[in-house]
PDB file of N, CA and C in Angstrom:
ATOM      1  N   MET A   1     -29.705 -20.562 -43.941  1.00  0.00           N
ATOM      2  CA  MET A   1     -28.256 -20.289 -43.635  1.00  0.00           C
ATOM      3  C   MET A   1     -28.168 -19.063 -42.696  1.00  0.00           C
ATOM      4  N   THR A   2     -28.861 -18.002 -42.962  1.00  0.00           N
ATOM      5  CA  THR A   2     -28.848 -16.762 -42.141  1.00  0.00           C
ATOM      6  C   THR A   2     -29.289 -17.039 -40.684  1.00  0.00           C
ATOM      7  N   ILE A   3     -30.275 -17.888 -40.589  1.00  0.00           N
ATOM      8  CA  ILE A   3     -30.798 -18.236 -39.220  1.00  0.00           C
ATOM      9  C   ILE A   3     -29.762 -19.034 -38.426  1.00  0.00           C
ATOM     10  N   ARG A   4     -29.019 -19.914 -39.075  1.00  0.00           N
ATOM     11  CA  ARG A   4     -27.965 -20.690 -38.395  1.00  0.00           C
ATOM     12  C   ARG A   4     -26.837 -19.744 -37.985  1.00  0.00           C
ATOM     13  N   LEU A   5     -26.482 -18.848 -38.847  1.00  0.00           N
ATOM     14  CA  LEU A   5     -25.406 -17.904 -38.547  1.00  0.00           C
ATOM     15  C   LEU A   5     -25.855 -17.038 -37.339  1.00  0.00           C
ATOM     16  N   GLY A   6     -27.088 -16.585 -37.370  1.00  0.00           N
ATOM     17  CA  GLY A   6     -27.559 -15.743 -36.264  1.00  0.00           C
ATOM     18  C   GLY A   6     -27.627 -16.523 -34.924  1.00  0.00           C
ATOM     19  N   LEU A   7     -28.009 -17.773 -35.029  1.00  0.00           N
ATOM     20  CA  LEU A   7     -28.053 -18.608 -33.752  1.00  0.00           C
ATOM     21  C   LEU A   7     -26.614 -18.803 -33.315  1.00  0.00           C
ATOM     22  N   ALA A   8     -25.682 -19.051 -34.183  1.00  0.00           N
ATOM     23  CA  ALA A   8     -24.363 -19.324 -33.793  1.00  0.00           C
ATOM     24  C   ALA A   8     -23.723 -18.045 -33.125  1.00  0.00           C
ATOM     25  N   LEU A   9     -24.038 -16.835 -33.638  1.00  0.00           N
ATOM     26  CA  LEU A   9     -23.547 -15.599 -33.057  1.00  0.00           C
ATOM     27  C   LEU A   9     -24.188 -15.437 -31.681  1.00  0.00           C
ATOM     28  N   LEU A  10     -25.444 -15.681 -31.575  1.00  0.00           N
ATOM     29  CA  LEU A  10     -26.148 -15.593 -30.296  1.00  0.00           C
ATOM     30  C   LEU A  10     -25.540 -16.465 -29.246  1.00  0.00           C
ATOM     31  N   MET A  11     -25.281 -17.737 -29.629  1.00  0.00           N
ATOM     32  CA  MET A  11     -24.648 -18.676 -28.676  1.00  0.00           C
ATOM     33  C   MET A  11     -23.225 -18.314 -28.309  1.00  0.00           C
ATOM     34  N   ALA A  12     -22.426 -17.702 -29.219  1.00  0.00           N
ATOM     35  CA  ALA A  12     -21.122 -17.245 -28.984  1.00  0.00           C
ATOM     36  C   ALA A  12     -21.161 -16.106 -27.944  1.00  0.00           C
ATOM     37  N   VAL A  13     -22.043 -15.149 -28.102  1.00  0.00           N
ATOM     38  CA  VAL A  13     -22.229 -14.060 -27.236  1.00  0.00           C
ATOM     39  C   VAL A  13     -22.567 -14.541 -25.840  1.00  0.00           C
ATOM     40  N   ALA A  14     -23.528 -15.430 -25.768  1.00  0.00           N
ATOM     41  CA  ALA A  14     -23.966 -16.018 -24.491  1.00  0.00           C
ATOM     42  C   ALA A  14     -22.845 -16.779 -23.731  1.00  0.00           C
ATOM     43  N   LEU A  15     -22.088 -17.513 -24.510  1.00  0.00           N
ATOM     44  CA  LEU A  15     -20.945 -18.169 -23.895  1.00  0.00           C
ATOM     45  C   LEU A  15     -19.923 -17.257 -23.395  1.00  0.00           C
ATOM     46  N   VAL A  16     -19.542 -16.268 -24.178  1.00  0.00           N
ATOM     47  CA  VAL A  16     -18.531 -15.287 -23.752  1.00  0.00           C
ATOM     48  C   VAL A  16     -18.990 -14.617 -22.430  1.00  0.00           C
ATOM     49  N   GLY A  17     -20.274 -14.179 -22.478  1.00  0.00           N
ATOM     50  CA  GLY A  17     -20.806 -13.459 -21.225  1.00  0.00           C
ATOM     51  C   GLY A  17     -20.744 -14.392 -20.063  1.00  0.00           C
ATOM     52  N   GLY A  18     -21.106 -15.655 -20.210  1.00  0.00           N
ATOM     53  CA  GLY A  18     -21.054 -16.620 -19.103  1.00  0.00           C
ATOM     54  C   GLY A  18     -19.652 -16.826 -18.643  1.00  0.00           C
ATOM     55  N   ALA A  19     -18.642 -16.870 -19.567  1.00  0.00           N
ATOM     56  CA  ALA A  19     -17.266 -17.077 -19.134  1.00  0.00           C
ATOM     57  C   ALA A  19     -16.790 -15.882 -18.364  1.00  0.00           C
ATOM     58  N   GLN A  20     -17.182 -14.670 -18.699  1.00  0.00           N
ATOM     59  CA  GLN A  20     -16.781 -13.443 -18.024  1.00  0.00           C
ATOM     60  C   GLN A  20     -17.371 -13.467 -16.607  1.00  0.00           C
ATOM     61  N   ALA A  21     -18.697 -13.783 -16.469  1.00  0.00           N
ATOM     62  CA  ALA A  21     -19.257 -13.801 -15.230  1.00  0.00           C
ATOM     63  C   ALA A  21     -18.569 -14.874 -14.270  1.00  0.00           C
ATOM     64  N   GLN A  22     -18.240 -16.000 -14.795  1.00  0.00           N
ATOM     65  CA  GLN A  22     -17.580 -16.952 -14.103  1.00  0.00           C
ATOM     66  C   GLN A  22     -16.217 -16.499 -13.653  1.00  0.00           C
ATOM     67  N   SER A  23     -15.520 -15.791 -14.458  1.00  0.00           N
ATOM     68  CA  SER A  23     -14.203 -15.336 -14.076  1.00  0.00           C
ATOM     69  C   SER A  23     -14.268 -14.251 -12.947  1.00  0.00           C
ATOM     70  N   THR A  24     -15.362 -13.514 -12.786  1.00  0.00           N
ATOM     71  CA  THR A  24     -15.535 -12.662 -11.705  1.00  0.00           C
ATOM     72  C   THR A  24     -15.695 -13.432 -10.423  1.00  0.00           C
ATOM     73  N   PHE A  25     -16.484 -14.504 -10.495  1.00  0.00           N
ATOM     74  CA  PHE A  25     -16.649 -15.345  -9.312  1.00  0.00           C
ATOM     75  C   PHE A  25     -15.349 -16.051  -9.005  1.00  0.00           C
ATOM     76  N   GLN A  26     -14.624 -16.572  -9.969  1.00  0.00           N
ATOM     77  CA  GLN A  26     -13.338 -17.226  -9.722  1.00  0.00           C
ATOM     78  C   GLN A  26     -12.302 -16.228  -9.110  1.00  0.00           C
ATOM     79  N   ARG A  27     -12.289 -15.004  -9.563  1.00  0.00           N
ATOM     80  CA  ARG A  27     -11.398 -14.065  -8.998  1.00  0.00           C
ATOM     81  C   ARG A  27     -11.679 -13.770  -7.474  1.00  0.00           C
ATOM     82  N   ALA A  28     -12.924 -13.698  -7.197  1.00  0.00           N
ATOM     83  CA  ALA A  28     -13.317 -13.493  -5.797  1.00  0.00           C
ATOM     84  C   ALA A  28     -12.886 -14.675  -4.984  1.00  0.00           C
ATOM     85  N   MET A  29     -13.103 -15.844  -5.476  1.00  0.00           N
ATOM     86  CA  MET A  29     -12.692 -17.078  -4.740  1.00  0.00           C
ATOM     87  C   MET A  29     -11.150 -17.134  -4.541  1.00  0.00           C
ATOM     88  N   GLN A  30     -10.474 -16.680  -5.627  1.00  0.00           N
ATOM     89  CA  GLN A  30      -9.014 -16.724  -5.523  1.00  0.00           C
ATOM     90  C   GLN A  30      -8.526 -15.729  -4.478  1.00  0.00           C
ATOM     91  N   ILE A  31      -9.165 -14.553  -4.387  1.00  0.00           N
ATOM     92  CA  ILE A  31      -8.749 -13.637  -3.309  1.00  0.00           C
ATOM     93  C   ILE A  31      -8.974 -14.223  -1.972  1.00  0.00           C
ATOM     94  N   GLN A  32     -10.195 -14.837  -1.724  1.00  0.00           N
ATOM     95  CA  GLN A  32     -10.571 -15.387  -0.509  1.00  0.00           C
ATOM     96  C   GLN A  32      -9.616 -16.615  -0.117  1.00  0.00           C
ATOM     97  N   MET A  33      -9.320 -17.421  -1.030  1.00  0.00           N
ATOM     98  CA  MET A  33      -8.497 -18.581  -0.716  1.00  0.00           C
ATOM     99  C   MET A  33      -7.056 -18.279  -0.400  1.00  0.00           C
ATOM    100  N   ASN A  34      -6.609 -17.083  -0.837  1.00  0.00           N
ATOM    101  CA  ASN A  34      -5.205 -16.612  -0.600  1.00  0.00           C
ATOM    102  C   ASN A  34      -5.047 -15.787   0.605  1.00  0.00           C
ATOM    103  N   VAL A  35      -6.071 -15.667   1.467  1.00  0.00           N
ATOM    104  CA  VAL A  35      -5.926 -14.843   2.630  1.00  0.00           C
ATOM    105  C   VAL A  35      -5.922 -15.722   3.863  1.00  0.00           C
ATOM    106  N   PRO A  36      -4.977 -15.412   4.799  1.00  0.00           N
ATOM    107  CA  PRO A  36      -5.013 -16.273   6.044  1.00  0.00           C
ATOM    108  C   PRO A  36      -6.200 -16.040   6.897  1.00  0.00           C
ATOM    109  N   LEU A  37      -6.883 -17.100   7.271  1.00  0.00           N
ATOM    110  CA  LEU A  37      -8.066 -17.052   8.060  1.00  0.00           C
ATOM    111  C   LEU A  37      -7.758 -16.679   9.546  1.00  0.00           C
ATOM    112  N   CYS A  38      -8.513 -15.803  10.047  1.00  0.00           N
ATOM    113  CA  CYS A  38      -8.263 -15.359  11.459  1.00  0.00           C
ATOM    114  C   CYS A  38      -8.369 -16.418  12.522  1.00  0.00           C
ATOM    115  N   HIS A  39      -9.384 -17.353  12.358  1.00  0.00           N
ATOM    116  CA  HIS A  39      -9.590 -18.400  13.331  1.00  0.00           C
ATOM    117  C   HIS A  39      -8.433 -19.477  13.268  1.00  0.00           C
ATOM    118  N   GLU A  40      -7.732 -19.471  12.140  1.00  0.00           N
ATOM    119  CA  GLU A  40      -6.603 -20.422  12.040  1.00  0.00           C
ATOM    120  C   GLU A  40      -5.248 -19.800  12.476  1.00  0.00           C
ATOM    121  N   HIS A  41      -5.298 -18.457  12.599  1.00  0.00           N
ATOM    122  CA  HIS A  41      -3.987 -17.714  13.007  1.00  0.00           C
ATOM    123  C   HIS A  41      -4.300 -16.757  14.097  1.00  0.00           C
ATOM    124  N   ARG A  42      -4.645 -17.247  15.273  1.00  0.00           N
ATOM    125  CA  ARG A  42      -5.021 -16.365  16.323  1.00  0.00           C
ATOM    126  C   ARG A  42      -3.908 -15.478  16.806  1.00  0.00           C
ATOM    127  N   ASP A  43      -2.629 -15.855  16.495  1.00  0.00           N
ATOM    128  CA  ASP A  43      -1.526 -15.013  16.906  1.00  0.00           C
ATOM    129  C   ASP A  43      -1.175 -13.920  15.952  1.00  0.00           C
ATOM    130  N   TYR A  44      -1.842 -13.829  14.787  1.00  0.00           N
ATOM    131  CA  TYR A  44      -1.576 -12.761  13.823  1.00  0.00           C
ATOM    132  C   TYR A  44      -2.238 -11.536  14.341  1.00  0.00           C
ATOM    133  N   ARG A  45      -1.488 -10.364  14.378  1.00  0.00           N
ATOM    134  CA  ARG A  45      -1.879  -9.191  15.045  1.00  0.00           C
ATOM    135  C   ARG A  45      -2.693  -8.179  14.120  1.00  0.00           C
ATOM    136  N   TRP A  46      -2.642  -8.418  12.779  1.00  0.00           N
ATOM    137  CA  TRP A  46      -3.227  -7.446  11.881  1.00  0.00           C
ATOM    138  C   TRP A  46      -4.369  -8.069  11.076  1.00  0.00           C
ATOM    139  N   GLU A  47      -5.493  -7.306  11.064  1.00  0.00           N
ATOM    140  CA  GLU A  47      -6.695  -7.721  10.349  1.00  0.00           C
ATOM    141  C   GLU A  47      -6.954  -6.848   9.168  1.00  0.00           C
ATOM    142  N   GLY A  48      -7.143  -7.514   8.021  1.00  0.00           N
ATOM    143  CA  GLY A  48      -7.472  -6.777   6.770  1.00  0.00           C
ATOM    144  C   GLY A  48      -8.905  -6.968   6.420  1.00  0.00           C
ATOM    145  N   ARG A  49      -9.600  -5.902   6.112  1.00  0.00           N
ATOM    146  CA  ARG A  49     -11.028  -5.985   5.739  1.00  0.00           C
ATOM    147  C   ARG A  49     -11.204  -5.130   4.415  1.00  0.00           C
ATOM    148  N   LEU A  50     -12.052  -5.757   3.577  1.00  0.00           N
ATOM    149  CA  LEU A  50     -12.340  -5.113   2.292  1.00  0.00           C
ATOM    150  C   LEU A  50     -13.781  -5.372   1.991  1.00  0.00           C
ATOM    151  N   SER A  51     -14.568  -4.375   1.627  1.00  0.00           N
ATOM    152  CA  SER A  51     -15.914  -4.575   1.223  1.00  0.00           C
ATOM    153  C   SER A  51     -16.285  -3.534   0.152  1.00  0.00           C
ATOM    154  N   GLY A  52     -17.082  -3.996  -0.843  1.00  0.00           N
ATOM    155  CA  GLY A  52     -17.482  -3.111  -1.906  1.00  0.00           C
ATOM    156  C   GLY A  52     -18.242  -3.913  -2.930  1.00  0.00           C
ATOM    157  N   ASN A  53     -18.285  -3.349  -4.137  1.00  0.00           N
ATOM    158  CA  ASN A  53     -19.002  -3.925  -5.250  1.00  0.00           C
ATOM    159  C   ASN A  53     -18.051  -4.209  -6.370  1.00  0.00           C
ATOM    160  N   ALA A  54     -18.156  -5.369  -7.021  1.00  0.00           N
ATOM    161  CA  ALA A  54     -17.412  -5.711  -8.169  1.00  0.00           C
ATOM    162  C   ALA A  54     -18.407  -5.828  -9.316  1.00  0.00           C
ATOM    163  N   MET A  55     -18.092  -5.244 -10.431  1.00  0.00           N
ATOM    164  CA  MET A  55     -18.973  -5.328 -11.635  1.00  0.00           C
ATOM    165  C   MET A  55     -18.806  -6.691 -12.259  1.00  0.00           C
ATOM    166  N   ASP A  56     -19.944  -7.277 -12.518  1.00  0.00           N
ATOM    167  CA  ASP A  56     -19.990  -8.570 -13.168  1.00  0.00           C
ATOM    168  C   ASP A  56     -20.146  -8.321 -14.659  1.00  0.00           C
ATOM    169  N   PRO A  57     -19.063  -8.542 -15.465  1.00  0.00           N
ATOM    170  CA  PRO A  57     -19.231  -8.216 -16.861  1.00  0.00           C
ATOM    171  C   PRO A  57     -20.179  -9.060 -17.632  1.00  0.00           C
ATOM    172  N   GLY A  58     -20.600 -10.184 -17.073  1.00  0.00           N
ATOM    173  CA  GLY A  58     -21.519 -11.054 -17.687  1.00  0.00           C
ATOM    174  C   GLY A  58     -22.887 -10.395 -17.791  1.00  0.00           C
ATOM    175  N   ASN A  59     -23.284  -9.577 -16.818  1.00  0.00           N
ATOM    176  CA  ASN A  59     -24.587  -9.020 -16.856  1.00  0.00           C
ATOM    177  C   ASN A  59     -24.626  -7.569 -16.402  1.00  0.00           C
ATOM    178  N   ASP A  60     -23.463  -6.970 -16.281  1.00  0.00           N
ATOM    179  CA  ASP A  60     -23.353  -5.563 -15.888  1.00  0.00           C
ATOM    180  C   ASP A  60     -24.053  -5.149 -14.652  1.00  0.00           C
ATOM    181  N   ARG A  61     -23.952  -6.051 -13.660  1.00  0.00           N
ATOM    182  CA  ARG A  61     -24.571  -5.826 -12.342  1.00  0.00           C
ATOM    183  C   ARG A  61     -23.417  -5.733 -11.335  1.00  0.00           C
ATOM    184  N   ALA A  62     -23.708  -4.905 -10.323  1.00  0.00           N
ATOM    185  CA  ALA A  62     -22.704  -4.781  -9.143  1.00  0.00           C
ATOM    186  C   ALA A  62     -23.007  -6.058  -8.241  1.00  0.00           C
ATOM    187  N   VAL A  63     -21.909  -6.711  -7.915  1.00  0.00           N
ATOM    188  CA  VAL A  63     -21.962  -7.888  -7.047  1.00  0.00           C
ATOM    189  C   VAL A  63     -21.243  -7.490  -5.695  1.00  0.00           C
ATOM    190  N   PRO A  64     -21.925  -7.552  -4.646  1.00  0.00           N
ATOM    191  CA  PRO A  64     -21.355  -7.276  -3.364  1.00  0.00           C
ATOM    192  C   PRO A  64     -20.281  -8.241  -3.022  1.00  0.00           C
ATOM    193  N   VAL A  65     -19.097  -7.782  -2.539  1.00  0.00           N
ATOM    194  CA  VAL A  65     -17.985  -8.619  -2.131  1.00  0.00           C
ATOM    195  C   VAL A  65     -17.481  -8.181  -0.833  1.00  0.00           C
ATOM    196  N   SER A  66     -17.001  -9.151   0.000  1.00  0.00           N
ATOM    197  CA  SER A  66     -16.459  -8.773   1.298  1.00  0.00           C
ATOM    198  C   SER A  66     -15.331  -9.763   1.635  1.00  0.00           C
ATOM    199  N   PHE A  67     -14.237  -9.332   2.104  1.00  0.00           N
ATOM    200  CA  PHE A  67     -13.111 -10.170   2.424  1.00  0.00           C
ATOM    201  C   PHE A  67     -12.531  -9.847   3.797  1.00  0.00           C
ATOM    202  N   LEU A  68     -12.130 -10.808   4.587  1.00  0.00           N
ATOM    203  CA  LEU A  68     -11.505 -10.634   5.871  1.00  0.00           C
ATOM    204  C   LEU A  68     -10.378 -11.606   6.000  1.00  0.00           C
ATOM    205  N   GLY A  69      -9.214 -11.064   6.468  1.00  0.00           N
ATOM    206  CA  GLY A  69      -8.078 -11.975   6.666  1.00  0.00           C
ATOM    207  C   GLY A  69      -7.180 -11.377   7.739  1.00  0.00           C
ATOM    208  N   CYS A  70      -6.320 -12.225   8.336  1.00  0.00           N
ATOM    209  CA  CYS A  70      -5.430 -11.833   9.325  1.00  0.00           C
ATOM    210  C   CYS A  70      -4.022 -12.065   8.958  1.00  0.00           C
ATOM    211  N   PHE A  71      -3.095 -11.167   9.336  1.00  0.00           N
ATOM    212  CA  PHE A  71      -1.733 -11.156   8.946  1.00  0.00           C
ATOM    213  C   PHE A  71      -0.767 -10.940  10.168  1.00  0.00           C
ATOM    214  N   PRO A  72       0.438 -11.428   9.992  1.00  0.00           N
ATOM    215  CA  PRO A  72       1.378 -11.240  11.074  1.00  0.00           C
ATOM    216  C   PRO A  72       1.902  -9.805  11.227  1.00  0.00           C
ATOM    217  N   THR A  73       1.985  -9.074  10.074  1.00  0.00           N
ATOM    218  CA  THR A  73       2.473  -7.753  10.127  1.00  0.00           C
ATOM    219  C   THR A  73       1.563  -6.812   9.356  1.00  0.00           C
ATOM    220  N   LYS A  74       1.669  -5.512   9.662  1.00  0.00           N
ATOM    221  CA  LYS A  74       0.850  -4.527   8.846  1.00  0.00           C
ATOM    222  C   LYS A  74       1.316  -4.491   7.466  1.00  0.00           C
ATOM    223  N   ALA A  75       2.650  -4.658   7.143  1.00  0.00           N
ATOM    224  CA  ALA A  75       3.114  -4.668   5.753  1.00  0.00           C
ATOM    225  C   ALA A  75       2.507  -5.792   4.897  1.00  0.00           C
ATOM    226  N   GLU A  76       2.389  -6.994   5.555  1.00  0.00           N
ATOM    227  CA  GLU A  76       1.747  -8.097   4.798  1.00  0.00           C
ATOM    228  C   GLU A  76       0.278  -7.872   4.574  1.00  0.00           C
ATOM    229  N   CYS A  77      -0.356  -7.240   5.511  1.00  0.00           N
ATOM    230  CA  CYS A  77      -1.769  -6.979   5.401  1.00  0.00           C
ATOM    231  C   CYS A  77      -1.924  -5.908   4.195  1.00  0.00           C
ATOM    232  N   GLU A  78      -1.150  -4.956   4.221  1.00  0.00           N
ATOM    233  CA  GLU A  78      -1.234  -3.900   3.127  1.00  0.00           C
ATOM    234  C   GLU A  78      -0.832  -4.465   1.831  1.00  0.00           C
ATOM    235  N   ALA A  79       0.066  -5.422   1.765  1.00  0.00           N
ATOM    236  CA  ALA A  79       0.475  -6.074   0.518  1.00  0.00           C
ATOM    237  C   ALA A  79      -0.689  -6.868  -0.039  1.00  0.00           C
ATOM    238  N   TRP A  80      -1.476  -7.453   0.799  1.00  0.00           N
ATOM    239  CA  TRP A  80      -2.696  -8.213   0.372  1.00  0.00           C
ATOM    240  C   TRP A  80      -3.808  -7.150  -0.061  1.00  0.00           C
ATOM    241  N   LEU A  81      -3.980  -6.140   0.732  1.00  0.00           N
ATOM    242  CA  LEU A  81      -5.088  -5.193   0.497  1.00  0.00           C
ATOM    243  C   LEU A  81      -5.003  -4.465  -0.800  1.00  0.00           C
ATOM    244  N   GLY A  82      -3.797  -4.119  -1.256  1.00  0.00           N
ATOM    245  CA  GLY A  82      -3.653  -3.389  -2.531  1.00  0.00           C
ATOM    246  C   GLY A  82      -4.259  -4.071  -3.728  1.00  0.00           C
ATOM    247  N   PRO A  83      -3.810  -5.287  -4.006  1.00  0.00           N
ATOM    248  CA  PRO A  83      -4.364  -5.963  -5.133  1.00  0.00           C
ATOM    249  C   PRO A  83      -5.840  -6.426  -4.944  1.00  0.00           C
ATOM    250  N   ALA A  84      -6.226  -6.742  -3.699  1.00  0.00           N
ATOM    251  CA  ALA A  84      -7.595  -7.104  -3.390  1.00  0.00           C
ATOM    252  C   ALA A  84      -8.553  -5.946  -3.699  1.00  0.00           C
ATOM    253  N   THR A  85      -8.071  -4.683  -3.299  1.00  0.00           N
ATOM    254  CA  THR A  85      -8.881  -3.523  -3.511  1.00  0.00           C
ATOM    255  C   THR A  85      -9.104  -3.261  -4.987  1.00  0.00           C
ATOM    256  N   GLY A  86      -8.151  -3.719  -5.802  1.00  0.00           N
ATOM    257  CA  GLY A  86      -8.286  -3.466  -7.275  1.00  0.00           C
ATOM    258  C   GLY A  86      -9.407  -4.292  -7.859  1.00  0.00           C
ATOM    259  N   PHE A  87      -9.863  -5.353  -7.175  1.00  0.00           N
ATOM    260  CA  PHE A  87     -10.917  -6.194  -7.591  1.00  0.00           C
ATOM    261  C   PHE A  87     -12.284  -5.469  -7.518  1.00  0.00           C
ATOM    262  N   VAL A  88     -12.315  -4.521  -6.557  1.00  0.00           N
ATOM    263  CA  VAL A  88     -13.631  -3.783  -6.346  1.00  0.00           C
ATOM    264  C   VAL A  88     -13.641  -2.713  -7.445  1.00  0.00           C
ATOM    265  N   THR A  89     -14.529  -2.903  -8.452  1.00  0.00           N
ATOM    266  CA  THR A  89     -14.575  -1.999  -9.543  1.00  0.00           C
ATOM    267  C   THR A  89     -15.793  -1.073  -9.422  1.00  0.00           C
ATOM    268  N   GLY A  90     -16.642  -1.243  -8.488  1.00  0.00           N
ATOM    269  CA  GLY A  90     -17.721  -0.390  -8.241  1.00  0.00           C
ATOM    270  C   GLY A  90     -17.533   0.398  -6.962  1.00  0.00           C
ATOM    271  N   ARG A  91     -18.493   0.528  -6.181  1.00  0.00           N
ATOM    272  CA  ARG A  91     -18.410   1.248  -4.929  1.00  0.00           C
ATOM    273  C   ARG A  91     -17.512   0.549  -3.864  1.00  0.00           C
ATOM    274  N   LEU A  92     -16.603   1.310  -3.390  1.00  0.00           N
ATOM    275  CA  LEU A  92     -15.674   0.823  -2.324  1.00  0.00           C
ATOM    276  C   LEU A  92     -16.238   1.257  -1.008  1.00  0.00           C
ATOM    277  N   ILE A  93     -16.655   0.347  -0.144  1.00  0.00           N
ATOM    278  CA  ILE A  93     -17.322   0.665   1.196  1.00  0.00           C
ATOM    279  C   ILE A  93     -16.173   0.868   2.155  1.00  0.00           C
ATOM    280  N   PHE A  94     -15.269  -0.143   2.305  1.00  0.00           N
ATOM    281  CA  PHE A  94     -14.080   0.125   3.163  1.00  0.00           C
ATOM    282  C   PHE A  94     -12.966  -0.889   2.702  1.00  0.00           C
ATOM    283  N   ALA A  95     -11.721  -0.372   2.997  1.00  0.00           N
ATOM    284  CA  ALA A  95     -10.582  -1.152   2.810  1.00  0.00           C
ATOM    285  C   ALA A  95      -9.546  -0.683   3.849  1.00  0.00           C
ATOM    286  N   LYS A  96      -9.256  -1.553   4.826  1.00  0.00           N
ATOM    287  CA  LYS A  96      -8.349  -1.156   5.843  1.00  0.00           C
ATOM    288  C   LYS A  96      -7.652  -2.245   6.515  1.00  0.00           C
ATOM    289  N   CYS A  97      -6.514  -1.955   7.069  1.00  0.00           N
ATOM    290  CA  CYS A  97      -5.767  -2.875   7.911  1.00  0.00           C
ATOM    291  C   CYS A  97      -5.724  -2.230   9.311  1.00  0.00           C
ATOM    292  N   GLN A  98      -6.080  -3.012  10.245  1.00  0.00           N
ATOM    293  CA  GLN A  98      -6.091  -2.521  11.671  1.00  0.00           C
ATOM    294  C   GLN A  98      -5.552  -3.603  12.584  1.00  0.00           C
ATOM    295  N   GLU A  99      -4.961  -3.105  13.703  1.00  0.00           N
ATOM    296  CA  GLU A  99      -4.524  -4.082  14.724  1.00  0.00           C
ATOM    297  C   GLU A  99      -5.723  -4.693  15.418  1.00  0.00           C
ATOM    298  N   ARG A 100      -5.550  -6.040  15.635  1.00  0.00           N
ATOM    299  CA  ARG A 100      -6.641  -6.731  16.322  1.00  0.00           C
ATOM    300  C   ARG A 100      -6.700  -6.511  17.740  1.00  0.00           C
TER     301      ARG A 100
END
């Protein structure tokens, strides 16, 4: 009985860790999918760039992330950059909006 309980606890911990790691990946994909692509919007004048490390709670490792998007106005670029920067929980390499 004790061995079964121990195995059940071990499996529960493994599943929770895997779910957290997957949510880190899903969050990165969500950020990328919600940013206008520069090659699709050549007339957008502002470029947002973000690069850094996000901690993966599934294995406590820093995962490098980088995002690029283009926006029609500086205000829209900065509105995207703020929440996206919050995803970087480790070292922030750069986060900026600049005119193209």
